[in-house]
Amino acid sequence: MKRLIAAALFLVVSVGRVFASDVTYQGEFINGSFSSNTSYILDVPANNIDYLSMQAVTTSTDVYSATTFTDGRKAVGTITVSDIYVAGTTVTVNGQRYVEGIDWTKQDTTSGTALSLYNAISSSYTARATGSITVYSTYGVANSTLTVLGKKYVEGIAWNVGASSTTTAQNIYAALAADLVGTAKVSLSGTTINLTYAQYTAIGNQTISSTVDSSTITVSGMSGGRQQTLTRDVAFSPYYGATATGSLTVLTTYSLSLSSFVVYGTTFIENRDWYVQDTSTGTAQSIYSILASSFTGVLTAARTDNAVSLTYGIRTPTANVSMTSYVSSITVTGMSGGQYPIISATSTVVGAGGNYTLASSTSLIIASGMTGGASASVNYNDHSISGTARYNTGLPLLYAKSAGTDIGGLTSGVTYYAIPYTSTAFRIATSKTNATDGKFVNIVGTTTANQGLGTYTLTPILFTGSAGLIWQYSNDGTNYTAMSVSSVTATSVTADNTSAFWDFSMFNFRYLKASIVAPTWGAFKVIVTGIGKKVAP
């Protein structure tokens, strides 16, 4: 990159005489980083200048730092059911209360209780709007028009009168069912067509009308829909934890007299609880029978040939129990792998606004807050991207997606061009010309399901080609001529403190123009300062 600093002071000397002079112009003429050709013009007489000098300095800068940004994060949290004795418990999710015995019920297992609570929370999208169309007669309905969700269905075009009111209803139903997929659900019951808006929302409240006499076709509107009660749209997915399992394997039927083994603290003795049979499979069947009848609802036993497998009915670490046998002919493995059931919650709200509190009125249900939400670096309203880098107009930026889904309007692997916007944000264009003209890309959000999962990078493309500064003069402001003075040329971004000085002496032209020649890629940074003096007579 390049930077220009400057300052130049001089005395005007002419053939043995020193003229007194006053400084009438002093300061920065150019200060910027350039990716597109541009020019700066100085009106010399307007600044009361007789003698003029300029100095330019170029240096490498940090203009090429990349910008990494995200489309935000969703807040997450968990609710854990650690016991089934939770009668009357109230769980609060973002201000919405769910009461045991009213909204959900405790079950015989913690996993069942977790599922009941999950169903209550996930069904907080309230009622759908419903309506119906009833056909009473097939007479007098020619050319009748039905209007459903704003669309007209005309008899003879969209549907036909049948030989009976039931057939007519079927014809109307077929037209609606084929057309309302994904918008409204249609069901047929005799001569009545029931409509249910597909979304749980008050938007489903729609007027349904008929142009035929009401005694022939009765139409009721779609009503009853209402907005969801949760302040934030939260999606809950149940995780029941793991079920502990174990097994007993009968290897032989000999030398098992008065053998015993222990399952979940209960001892089972041969010739009292189970019996040796002629085959190991038969012995396993005898063992299976006593286990299956002893642990109903808590321990589940299954048998395959000579092996009896055990599964603890509650998915919780308390099911991880040891099992022992007092004979080597029966192999017993302990029950392990159990985990507490968990309901995991993920907010569909991207950003810090998705962080909120989960609470429970009992220690038997552990509710943690929804945390981790972060706002997006992309502003979908003004189509800008937040970043600390100060990109100049037209700087080429290579866009890459490292995670998630591409942001709408952008394609990974494509080069875009910077447009400075605010001190903390910039926009991008599809070409240098568009960047210069301020025509930016309309950035739109990813889908709700994918938003909050993306990470992206805009990397400035390095300096390629050559860049420079050329001096020209003119008296009419239209036709410019190159001056026979040296120019500044840069072929890389590592030319630190390269400087040039021009003493234009007595400047006898109206305009002085500095033309910036931008590199093929990257940016050329330059600062030009000047001093102009007026000679006293």
Protein backbone atom coordinates (compact mmCIF):
# COMPACT_ATOMS: atom_id res chain seq x y z
CA MET A 1 0.00 0.00 0.00
CA LYS A 2 1.12 3.53 -0.15
CA ARG A 3 1.00 6.51 2.01
CA LEU A 4 1.93 10.14 1.37
CA ILE A 5 3.25 12.46 3.93
CA ALA A 6 4.67 15.75 3.10
CA ALA A 7 5.90 19.09 3.60
CA ALA A 8 8.14 21.31 1.57
CA LEU A 9 9.42 24.77 2.25
CA PHE A 10 11.44 26.90 -0.06
CA LEU A 11 12.61 30.38 -0.87
CA VAL A 12 12.10 31.85 -4.29
CA VAL A 13 15.35 33.07 -5.74
CA SER A 14 15.74 34.90 -9.03
CA VAL A 15 18.90 36.24 -10.64
CA GLY A 16 20.60 37.67 -7.63
CA ARG A 17 17.48 39.05 -6.02
CA VAL A 18 15.43 37.56 -3.19
CA PHE A 19 11.72 38.26 -3.46
CA ALA A 20 9.61 38.49 -0.38
CA SER A 21 6.81 35.96 -0.54
CA ASP A 22 3.74 34.93 1.43
CA VAL A 23 2.46 31.36 1.74
CA THR A 24 -1.05 31.34 0.24
CA TYR A 25 -1.55 27.57 -0.12
CA GLN A 26 -0.32 24.83 2.16
CA GLY A 27 -1.71 21.40 2.97
CA GLU A 28 -2.73 18.01 1.64
CA PHE A 29 -3.65 17.97 -2.01
CA ILE A 30 -4.27 14.19 -2.11
CA ASN A 31 -4.64 11.68 0.70
CA GLY A 32 -6.19 8.32 -0.08
CA SER A 33 -6.00 4.75 -1.24
CA PHE A 34 -7.10 4.16 -4.82
CA SER A 35 -8.31 1.12 -6.73
CA SER A 36 -9.84 3.09 -9.61
CA ASN A 37 -8.39 5.81 -11.82
CA THR A 38 -9.21 9.29 -10.58
CA SER A 39 -7.82 12.83 -10.65
CA TYR A 40 -7.44 15.93 -8.49
CA ILE A 41 -7.38 19.51 -9.87
CA LEU A 42 -5.93 22.65 -8.26
CA ASP A 43 -7.16 26.07 -9.42
CA VAL A 44 -3.90 27.98 -9.16
CA PRO A 45 -5.08 31.65 -9.52
CA ALA A 46 -7.99 31.02 -7.15
CA ASN A 47 -5.43 30.16 -4.48
CA ASN A 48 -3.37 33.28 -5.33
CA ILE A 49 -0.30 31.22 -6.22
CA ASP A 50 2.76 32.34 -8.16
CA TYR A 51 5.27 29.72 -7.12
CA LEU A 52 4.25 26.11 -6.41
CA SER A 53 5.88 22.91 -5.14
CA MET A 54 4.52 19.44 -4.41
CA GLN A 55 5.83 16.39 -2.56
CA ALA A 56 4.56 12.79 -2.57
CA VAL A 57 5.51 9.89 -0.33
CA THR A 58 4.31 6.27 -0.65
CA THR A 59 4.50 3.59 2.00
CA SER A 60 2.96 0.18 2.76
CA THR A 61 -0.12 0.18 5.02
CA ASP A 62 -2.63 -2.28 6.52
CA VAL A 63 -5.36 -1.57 3.98
CA TYR A 64 -5.28 -5.22 2.89
CA SER A 65 -6.53 -6.80 6.11
CA ALA A 66 -9.37 -9.29 5.55
CA THR A 67 -12.83 -8.96 7.10
CA THR A 68 -14.42 -12.03 8.67
CA PHE A 69 -18.12 -11.71 9.48
CA THR A 70 -21.08 -13.89 10.47
CA ASP A 71 -24.85 -13.97 10.06
CA GLY A 72 -25.22 -14.20 13.83
CA ARG A 73 -25.81 -17.07 16.23
CA LYS A 74 -28.88 -18.55 17.84
CA ALA A 75 -29.17 -18.83 21.60
CA VAL A 76 -29.32 -22.34 23.02
CA GLY A 77 -30.34 -23.83 26.37
CA THR A 78 -31.49 -27.08 27.98
CA ILE A 79 -34.14 -28.41 30.31
CA THR A 80 -33.27 -31.65 32.10
CA VAL A 81 -35.84 -33.89 33.78
CA SER A 82 -33.99 -35.63 36.62
CA ASP A 83 -36.95 -37.19 38.44
CA ILE A 84 -40.53 -38.18 37.64
CA TYR A 85 -41.99 -36.83 40.90
CA VAL A 86 -42.80 -33.41 39.56
CA ALA A 87 -46.52 -32.95 40.32
CA GLY A 88 -47.57 -29.32 40.07
CA THR A 89 -44.22 -28.17 38.68
CA THR A 90 -44.23 -24.97 36.62
CA VAL A 91 -41.65 -24.48 33.87
CA THR A 92 -41.25 -20.99 32.41
CA VAL A 93 -39.80 -20.45 28.94
CA ASN A 94 -39.28 -16.80 28.04
CA GLY A 95 -42.22 -15.72 30.16
CA GLN A 96 -44.57 -18.51 29.02
CA ARG A 97 -45.59 -20.83 31.91
CA TYR A 98 -46.17 -24.56 31.44
CA VAL A 99 -47.92 -26.15 34.45
CA GLU A 100 -47.79 -29.90 35.20
CA GLY A 101 -51.27 -31.39 35.23
CA ILE A 102 -52.56 -28.65 32.92
CA ASP A 103 -50.11 -28.19 30.05
CA TRP A 104 -48.13 -31.42 30.55
CA THR A 105 -48.15 -34.47 32.84
CA LYS A 106 -45.54 -36.50 34.67
CA GLN A 107 -45.06 -40.02 33.31
CA ASP A 108 -43.74 -43.28 34.73
CA THR A 109 -40.29 -42.50 33.35
CA THR A 110 -38.16 -39.39 33.16
CA SER A 111 -37.99 -39.78 29.38
CA GLY A 112 -41.78 -39.86 29.20
CA THR A 113 -42.01 -36.78 31.42
CA ALA A 114 -39.47 -35.00 29.22
CA LEU A 115 -41.50 -35.88 26.12
CA SER A 116 -44.71 -34.55 27.69
CA LEU A 117 -42.98 -31.28 28.60
CA TYR A 118 -41.44 -31.07 25.12
CA ASN A 119 -44.83 -31.53 23.47
CA ALA A 120 -46.31 -28.75 25.59
CA ILE A 121 -43.54 -26.30 24.75
CA SER A 122 -43.29 -27.14 21.07
CA SER A 123 -47.05 -26.84 20.58
CA SER A 124 -47.14 -23.23 21.77
CA TYR A 125 -48.01 -22.18 18.24
CA THR A 126 -51.66 -21.57 19.00
CA ALA A 127 -54.77 -22.37 16.95
CA ARG A 128 -55.16 -22.71 13.22
CA ALA A 129 -57.98 -20.91 11.47
CA THR A 130 -60.73 -23.23 10.24
CA GLY A 131 -63.81 -22.90 8.05
CA SER A 132 -66.17 -25.01 5.94
CA ILE A 133 -68.27 -25.17 2.80
CA THR A 134 -71.49 -27.20 2.90
CA VAL A 135 -73.42 -28.18 -0.23
CA TYR A 136 -77.16 -28.60 0.40
CA SER A 137 -78.40 -28.92 -3.16
CA THR A 138 -77.19 -29.47 -6.70
CA TYR A 139 -79.85 -27.22 -8.21
CA GLY A 140 -79.52 -23.56 -8.93
CA VAL A 141 -75.74 -23.40 -8.59
CA ALA A 142 -74.76 -23.00 -12.24
CA ASN A 143 -71.98 -20.43 -12.68
CA SER A 144 -71.71 -20.01 -8.91
CA THR A 145 -68.47 -18.54 -7.63
CA LEU A 146 -66.70 -19.53 -4.44
CA THR A 147 -63.94 -17.30 -3.04
CA VAL A 148 -61.36 -18.97 -0.78
CA LEU A 149 -58.29 -17.09 0.49
CA GLY A 150 -58.90 -14.40 -2.10
CA LYS A 151 -59.11 -16.74 -5.11
CA LYS A 152 -62.30 -17.31 -7.07
CA TYR A 153 -63.46 -20.81 -8.03
CA VAL A 154 -66.19 -20.62 -10.73
CA GLU A 155 -68.65 -23.47 -11.45
CA GLY A 156 -68.14 -24.84 -14.91
CA ILE A 157 -64.48 -23.75 -14.90
CA ALA A 158 -62.88 -24.77 -11.60
CA TRP A 159 -65.56 -27.27 -10.54
CA ASN A 160 -68.80 -28.77 -11.83
CA VAL A 161 -72.24 -29.48 -10.41
CA GLY A 162 -72.66 -33.21 -9.72
CA ALA A 163 -75.65 -35.52 -9.76
CA SER A 164 -75.92 -35.15 -5.99
CA SER A 165 -74.85 -32.65 -3.37
CA THR A 166 -72.19 -35.15 -2.23
CA THR A 167 -70.74 -35.34 -5.75
CA THR A 168 -70.81 -31.55 -6.05
CA ALA A 169 -68.95 -31.29 -2.74
CA GLN A 170 -66.38 -33.78 -4.02
CA ASN A 171 -65.85 -31.70 -7.14
CA ILE A 172 -65.37 -28.52 -5.10
CA TYR A 173 -63.05 -30.37 -2.72
CA ALA A 174 -60.91 -31.67 -5.60
CA ALA A 175 -60.45 -28.14 -6.94
CA LEU A 176 -59.46 -26.75 -3.54
CA ALA A 177 -57.25 -29.68 -2.52
CA ALA A 178 -55.23 -29.39 -5.73
CA ASP A 179 -54.81 -25.64 -5.44
CA LEU A 180 -54.25 -25.00 -1.75
CA VAL A 181 -51.28 -27.28 -1.16
CA GLY A 182 -48.99 -25.69 1.43
CA THR A 183 -51.47 -22.90 2.20
CA ALA A 184 -54.66 -24.45 3.53
CA LYS A 185 -55.50 -28.05 4.34
CA VAL A 186 -58.76 -29.38 2.94
CA SER A 187 -60.75 -32.39 4.17
CA LEU A 188 -64.06 -33.80 3.00
CA SER A 189 -66.82 -35.19 5.24
CA GLY A 190 -69.94 -36.04 3.32
CA THR A 191 -71.21 -32.81 1.83
CA THR A 192 -69.05 -30.61 4.04
CA ILE A 193 -65.61 -29.42 3.05
CA ASN A 194 -63.50 -28.37 6.01
CA LEU A 195 -60.65 -25.90 5.57
CA THR A 196 -57.72 -25.47 7.93
CA TYR A 197 -55.11 -22.83 7.34
CA ALA A 198 -51.69 -24.51 7.24
CA GLN A 199 -50.02 -22.04 9.57
CA TYR A 200 -50.73 -21.47 13.24
CA THR A 201 -51.36 -17.77 12.86
CA ALA A 202 -54.07 -15.15 12.80
CA ILE A 203 -53.18 -14.60 9.15
CA GLY A 204 -55.29 -17.70 8.52
CA ASN A 205 -58.48 -15.80 9.39
CA GLN A 206 -59.92 -15.41 5.91
CA THR A 207 -63.31 -14.64 4.44
CA ILE A 208 -64.95 -17.36 2.34
CA SER A 209 -67.92 -16.36 0.25
CA SER A 210 -70.38 -17.80 -2.26
CA THR A 211 -72.48 -16.07 -4.92
CA VAL A 212 -75.20 -18.71 -4.75
CA ASP A 213 -78.25 -18.72 -2.45
CA SER A 214 -77.10 -19.62 1.06
CA SER A 215 -79.63 -22.43 1.29
CA THR A 216 -77.88 -24.19 -1.53
CA ILE A 217 -74.24 -23.73 -0.51
CA THR A 218 -73.39 -22.59 3.00
CA VAL A 219 -69.95 -21.06 3.42
CA SER A 220 -68.35 -20.09 6.71
CA GLY A 221 -65.12 -18.11 6.93
CA MET A 222 -61.81 -19.29 8.32
CA SER A 223 -61.46 -18.05 11.88
CA GLY A 224 -59.97 -18.92 15.25
CA GLY A 225 -56.35 -18.45 14.23
CA ARG A 226 -54.21 -16.43 16.60
CA GLN A 227 -50.59 -15.51 16.92
CA GLN A 228 -48.28 -17.76 18.89
CA THR A 229 -48.04 -16.95 22.57
CA LEU A 230 -44.26 -17.15 22.90
CA THR A 231 -42.52 -13.78 22.77
CA ARG A 232 -39.73 -15.46 20.84
CA ASP A 233 -40.03 -18.21 18.30
CA VAL A 234 -38.34 -21.15 20.00
CA ALA A 235 -37.89 -24.62 18.60
CA PHE A 236 -37.41 -27.46 21.11
CA SER A 237 -36.10 -30.88 20.19
CA PRO A 238 -36.27 -33.72 22.73
CA TYR A 239 -33.21 -35.72 23.66
CA TYR A 240 -34.13 -38.62 25.89
CA GLY A 241 -30.65 -39.69 26.86
CA ALA A 242 -29.42 -43.27 26.57
CA THR A 243 -31.08 -46.43 27.87
CA ALA A 244 -28.91 -48.69 30.04
CA THR A 245 -28.64 -52.24 28.73
CA GLY A 246 -27.08 -55.52 29.86
CA SER A 247 -27.32 -59.26 29.22
CA LEU A 248 -27.09 -62.77 30.69
CA THR A 249 -25.79 -65.61 28.57
CA VAL A 250 -26.25 -69.29 29.51
CA LEU A 251 -23.24 -71.27 28.31
CA THR A 252 -24.14 -74.71 29.68
CA THR A 253 -26.89 -76.50 31.61
CA TYR A 254 -24.55 -78.61 33.77
CA SER A 255 -23.30 -77.94 37.32
CA LEU A 256 -25.81 -75.15 37.89
CA SER A 257 -27.39 -76.64 41.02
CA LEU A 258 -28.49 -73.86 43.39
CA SER A 259 -26.69 -71.25 41.25
CA SER A 260 -27.79 -67.68 41.66
CA PHE A 261 -27.28 -64.30 40.08
CA VAL A 262 -28.20 -60.74 41.02
CA VAL A 263 -30.01 -58.29 38.77
CA TYR A 264 -30.62 -54.76 40.00
CA GLY A 265 -30.23 -55.81 43.60
CA THR A 266 -32.53 -58.88 43.44
CA THR A 267 -31.05 -62.39 43.81
CA PHE A 268 -32.50 -65.16 41.62
CA ILE A 269 -31.75 -68.73 42.84
CA GLU A 270 -31.87 -71.92 40.75
CA ASN A 271 -34.64 -74.37 41.77
CA ARG A 272 -36.49 -71.52 43.47
CA ASP A 273 -36.81 -68.77 40.87
CA TRP A 274 -35.63 -70.55 37.76
CA TYR A 275 -34.73 -74.06 36.67
CA VAL A 276 -32.02 -75.84 34.72
CA GLN A 277 -33.34 -77.34 31.48
CA ASP A 278 -31.95 -79.90 29.07
CA THR A 279 -30.55 -77.18 26.86
CA SER A 280 -28.91 -73.83 27.48
CA THR A 281 -31.67 -72.23 25.44
CA GLY A 282 -34.30 -73.79 27.71
CA THR A 283 -32.45 -72.61 30.80
CA ALA A 284 -32.25 -69.09 29.33
CA GLN A 285 -36.01 -69.26 28.74
CA SER A 286 -36.57 -70.12 32.41
CA ILE A 287 -34.36 -67.23 33.52
CA TYR A 288 -36.07 -64.89 31.08
CA SER A 289 -39.51 -65.79 32.43
CA ILE A 290 -38.64 -64.83 36.00
CA LEU A 291 -36.95 -61.60 34.93
CA ALA A 292 -39.77 -60.59 32.61
CA SER A 293 -42.33 -61.05 35.41
CA SER A 294 -40.22 -59.41 38.11
CA PHE A 295 -39.40 -56.08 36.53
CA THR A 296 -42.52 -55.10 34.63
CA GLY A 297 -42.43 -51.41 33.77
CA VAL A 298 -38.92 -50.93 35.10
CA LEU A 299 -36.70 -53.55 33.52
CA THR A 300 -37.37 -55.04 30.10
CA ALA A 301 -36.04 -58.51 29.31
CA ALA A 302 -35.67 -60.00 25.87
CA ARG A 303 -34.33 -63.41 24.90
CA THR A 304 -32.53 -64.70 21.83
CA ASP A 305 -31.66 -68.40 22.10
CA ASN A 306 -29.45 -68.73 25.18
CA ALA A 307 -28.97 -64.97 25.77
CA VAL A 308 -31.23 -62.74 27.85
CA SER A 309 -30.78 -59.01 27.23
CA LEU A 310 -31.94 -56.44 29.77
CA THR A 311 -32.95 -52.85 29.22
CA TYR A 312 -33.73 -50.49 32.06
CA GLY A 313 -36.96 -48.64 31.35
CA ILE A 314 -35.84 -45.24 32.63
CA ARG A 315 -33.16 -43.52 30.62
CA THR A 316 -31.08 -42.28 33.51
CA PRO A 317 -27.65 -42.98 35.05
CA THR A 318 -29.39 -44.65 38.02
CA ALA A 319 -30.05 -47.55 35.64
CA ASN A 320 -26.31 -48.21 35.43
CA VAL A 321 -26.23 -51.17 37.84
CA SER A 322 -23.94 -54.14 38.33
CA MET A 323 -25.13 -57.70 37.73
CA THR A 324 -23.30 -60.75 39.08
CA SER A 325 -23.44 -64.51 38.71
CA TYR A 326 -22.18 -67.17 41.13
CA VAL A 327 -21.48 -69.74 38.43
CA SER A 328 -19.07 -69.55 35.52
CA SER A 329 -21.54 -71.17 33.18
CA ILE A 330 -23.67 -68.05 33.17
CA THR A 331 -22.01 -64.89 31.86
CA VAL A 332 -23.47 -61.62 33.15
CA THR A 333 -22.67 -58.10 31.98
CA GLY A 334 -23.67 -55.02 33.94
CA MET A 335 -26.17 -52.41 32.85
CA SER A 336 -24.51 -49.23 31.62
CA GLY A 337 -24.89 -46.34 29.21
CA GLY A 338 -27.82 -44.60 30.89
CA GLN A 339 -28.08 -40.83 30.72
CA TYR A 340 -30.51 -38.26 32.07
CA PRO A 341 -33.12 -37.20 29.53
CA ILE A 342 -32.63 -33.70 28.18
CA ILE A 343 -34.80 -31.31 26.22
CA SER A 344 -32.51 -29.11 24.15
CA ALA A 345 -33.79 -25.69 23.14
CA THR A 346 -32.54 -23.57 20.27
CA SER A 347 -33.94 -20.12 19.55
CA THR A 348 -34.83 -19.38 15.94
CA VAL A 349 -34.11 -15.73 16.71
CA VAL A 350 -30.65 -14.88 15.41
CA GLY A 351 -28.79 -12.40 17.59
CA ALA A 352 -28.37 -11.39 21.19
CA GLY A 353 -32.13 -10.83 21.36
CA GLY A 354 -32.52 -14.58 21.51
CA ASN A 355 -30.88 -14.78 24.93
CA TYR A 356 -33.45 -15.27 27.66
CA THR A 357 -34.21 -17.17 30.84
CA LEU A 358 -35.60 -20.67 31.32
CA ALA A 359 -36.89 -21.43 34.81
CA SER A 360 -38.46 -24.22 36.84
CA SER A 361 -40.30 -24.18 40.17
CA THR A 362 -38.65 -27.43 41.27
CA SER A 363 -35.12 -28.75 41.47
CA LEU A 364 -36.34 -31.95 39.84
CA ILE A 365 -36.40 -30.14 36.52
CA ILE A 366 -33.23 -28.22 35.75
CA ALA A 367 -33.75 -25.28 33.38
CA SER A 368 -30.81 -23.23 32.19
CA GLY A 369 -30.99 -19.94 30.32
CA MET A 370 -30.86 -19.49 26.57
CA THR A 371 -27.44 -17.99 25.90
CA GLY A 372 -24.88 -17.62 23.14
CA GLY A 373 -26.97 -15.60 20.71
CA ALA A 374 -25.01 -13.05 18.72
CA SER A 375 -26.18 -10.42 16.25
CA ALA A 376 -25.23 -10.69 12.60
CA SER A 377 -22.39 -8.65 11.10
CA VAL A 378 -24.65 -8.09 8.11
CA ASN A 379 -27.35 -5.40 8.10
CA TYR A 380 -30.08 -6.72 5.82
CA ASN A 381 -31.92 -3.39 5.91
CA ASP A 382 -29.20 -1.15 4.50
CA HIS A 383 -27.19 -4.04 2.93
CA SER A 384 -23.95 -3.18 4.70
CA ILE A 385 -21.30 -5.34 6.38
CA SER A 386 -19.68 -4.38 9.67
CA GLY A 387 -15.91 -4.40 9.84
CA THR A 388 -12.93 -2.48 11.18
CA ALA A 389 -11.09 -2.39 7.85
CA ARG A 390 -11.19 0.91 5.98
CA TYR A 391 -11.55 -0.16 2.35
CA ASN A 392 -11.29 2.40 -0.43
CA THR A 393 -13.84 2.65 -3.20
CA GLY A 394 -13.41 -0.11 -5.77
CA LEU A 395 -11.00 -2.26 -3.73
CA PRO A 396 -11.45 -5.85 -5.00
CA LEU A 397 -12.56 -8.28 -2.25
CA LEU A 398 -12.69 -12.04 -2.69
CA TYR A 399 -15.76 -13.45 -0.93
CA ALA A 400 -15.57 -16.92 0.63
CA LYS A 401 -17.95 -18.95 2.79
CA SER A 402 -16.24 -21.04 5.47
CA ALA A 403 -19.40 -22.32 7.21
CA GLY A 404 -23.16 -22.29 6.80
CA THR A 405 -25.13 -21.14 3.76
CA ASP A 406 -24.18 -18.36 1.34
CA ILE A 407 -25.81 -15.05 2.15
CA GLY A 408 -28.50 -14.16 -0.35
CA GLY A 409 -27.10 -11.99 -3.13
CA LEU A 410 -23.51 -13.23 -2.73
CA THR A 411 -21.72 -16.22 -4.24
CA SER A 412 -18.68 -17.84 -2.64
CA GLY A 413 -15.53 -17.53 -4.76
CA VAL A 414 -16.66 -14.34 -6.53
CA THR A 415 -14.80 -11.01 -6.36
CA TYR A 416 -16.76 -7.95 -5.22
CA TYR A 417 -15.70 -4.30 -4.89
CA ALA A 418 -15.82 -2.13 -1.78
CA ILE A 419 -17.98 0.93 -1.22
CA PRO A 420 -17.18 2.89 1.98
CA TYR A 421 -20.42 3.44 3.93
CA THR A 422 -19.88 4.45 7.57
CA SER A 423 -16.95 4.49 9.96
CA THR A 424 -17.80 0.91 10.99
CA ALA A 425 -19.39 -0.58 7.86
CA PHE A 426 -19.05 -0.89 4.11
CA ARG A 427 -21.06 -2.11 1.14
CA ILE A 428 -19.96 -4.12 -1.87
CA ALA A 429 -20.60 -3.90 -5.62
CA THR A 430 -20.31 -6.35 -8.50
CA SER A 431 -17.76 -4.21 -10.42
CA LYS A 432 -15.38 -1.28 -10.00
CA THR A 433 -17.71 0.86 -12.10
CA ASN A 434 -20.68 0.05 -9.89
CA ALA A 435 -18.58 0.75 -6.80
CA THR A 436 -17.62 4.17 -8.17
CA ASP A 437 -21.27 4.87 -8.99
CA GLY A 438 -22.43 3.68 -5.54
CA LYS A 439 -24.50 0.79 -6.94
CA PHE A 440 -24.29 -1.81 -4.16
CA VAL A 441 -25.41 -5.44 -3.92
CA ASN A 442 -28.74 -6.03 -2.16
CA ILE A 443 -27.77 -8.51 0.55
CA VAL A 444 -30.63 -10.62 1.91
CA GLY A 445 -30.78 -13.08 4.80
CA THR A 446 -30.47 -16.84 4.52
CA THR A 447 -33.49 -18.98 5.34
CA THR A 448 -34.64 -19.02 8.96
CA ALA A 449 -33.51 -22.63 9.31
CA ASN A 450 -29.97 -21.84 8.13
CA GLN A 451 -29.49 -18.33 9.49
CA GLY A 452 -27.09 -18.15 12.39
CA LEU A 453 -24.77 -20.85 11.06
CA GLY A 454 -22.66 -18.89 8.59
CA THR A 455 -19.11 -17.52 8.72
CA TYR A 456 -17.72 -15.56 5.77
CA THR A 457 -14.55 -13.72 4.73
CA LEU A 458 -13.88 -10.83 2.37
CA THR A 459 -10.18 -10.79 1.51
CA PRO A 460 -8.66 -7.86 -0.45
CA ILE A 461 -6.79 -9.03 -3.54
CA LEU A 462 -3.10 -8.12 -3.40
CA PHE A 463 -1.49 -5.38 -5.46
CA THR A 464 -0.95 -6.45 -9.07
CA GLY A 465 0.30 -4.40 -12.03
CA SER A 466 1.61 -0.85 -11.65
CA ALA A 467 0.18 2.37 -10.30
CA GLY A 468 1.28 5.96 -10.36
CA LEU A 469 0.69 9.71 -10.40
CA ILE A 470 1.00 11.92 -13.49
CA TRP A 471 1.05 15.75 -13.56
CA GLN A 472 -0.83 17.73 -16.23
CA TYR A 473 -1.69 21.41 -16.86
CA SER A 474 -4.48 23.33 -18.61
CA ASN A 475 -5.80 26.84 -19.08
CA ASP A 476 -9.37 25.95 -20.10
CA GLY A 477 -10.01 23.11 -17.63
CA THR A 478 -10.84 20.73 -20.49
CA ASN A 479 -7.71 20.09 -22.49
CA TYR A 480 -4.77 18.93 -20.38
CA THR A 481 -1.13 18.45 -21.37
CA ALA A 482 1.34 16.20 -19.60
CA MET A 483 4.10 18.07 -17.87
CA SER A 484 7.73 17.22 -18.57
CA VAL A 485 8.42 16.32 -14.97
CA SER A 486 9.03 12.98 -13.36
CA SER A 487 6.02 10.97 -12.14
CA VAL A 488 5.51 8.48 -9.33
CA THR A 489 5.30 4.80 -10.25
CA ALA A 490 4.72 1.85 -7.90
CA THR A 491 4.93 -1.82 -8.84
CA SER A 492 4.43 -3.36 -5.39
CA VAL A 493 3.08 -2.53 -1.96
CA THR A 494 6.44 -2.76 -0.21
CA ALA A 495 7.96 0.51 -1.43
CA ASP A 496 8.22 2.12 2.00
CA ASN A 497 8.78 5.86 2.16
CA THR A 498 9.36 6.26 -1.56
CA SER A 499 9.13 10.01 -2.11
CA ALA A 500 9.24 12.51 -4.92
CA PHE A 501 9.49 16.32 -4.92
CA TRP A 502 8.43 18.75 -7.64
CA ASP A 503 9.32 22.43 -7.76
CA PHE A 504 7.05 23.93 -10.41
CA SER A 505 8.59 27.39 -9.77
CA MET A 506 6.58 30.16 -11.44
CA PHE A 507 3.41 28.35 -12.49
CA ASN A 508 1.95 30.12 -15.53
CA PHE A 509 -1.14 27.98 -16.08
CA ARG A 510 -4.67 28.12 -14.66
CA TYR A 511 -5.06 24.46 -13.56
CA LEU A 512 -2.75 21.76 -12.23
CA LYS A 513 -4.10 18.19 -12.36
CA ALA A 514 -2.74 15.08 -10.66
CA SER A 515 -4.04 11.92 -12.38
CA ILE A 516 -4.04 8.73 -10.29
CA VAL A 517 -3.43 5.54 -12.28
CA ALA A 518 -4.81 2.62 -10.25
CA PRO A 519 -3.23 -0.86 -10.27
CA THR A 520 -4.87 -3.83 -11.99
CA TRP A 521 -5.76 -5.29 -8.58
CA GLY A 522 -5.36 -4.01 -5.06
CA ALA A 523 -4.92 -0.37 -4.09
CA PHE A 524 -2.42 2.45 -4.48
CA LYS A 525 -2.10 4.70 -1.42
CA VAL A 526 -0.56 8.12 -1.78
CA ILE A 527 -0.41 11.43 0.07
CA VAL A 528 0.56 14.61 -1.78
CA THR A 529 1.16 17.88 0.01
CA GLY A 530 1.84 21.23 -1.54
CA ILE A 531 3.01 24.77 -0.80
CA GLY A 532 2.07 27.78 -2.89
CA LYS A 533 3.42 31.30 -2.53
CA LYS A 534 2.49 34.73 -3.74
CA VAL A 535 5.44 36.96 -4.56
CA ALA A 536 5.21 40.51 -3.28
CA PRO A 537 5.94 43.19 -5.91
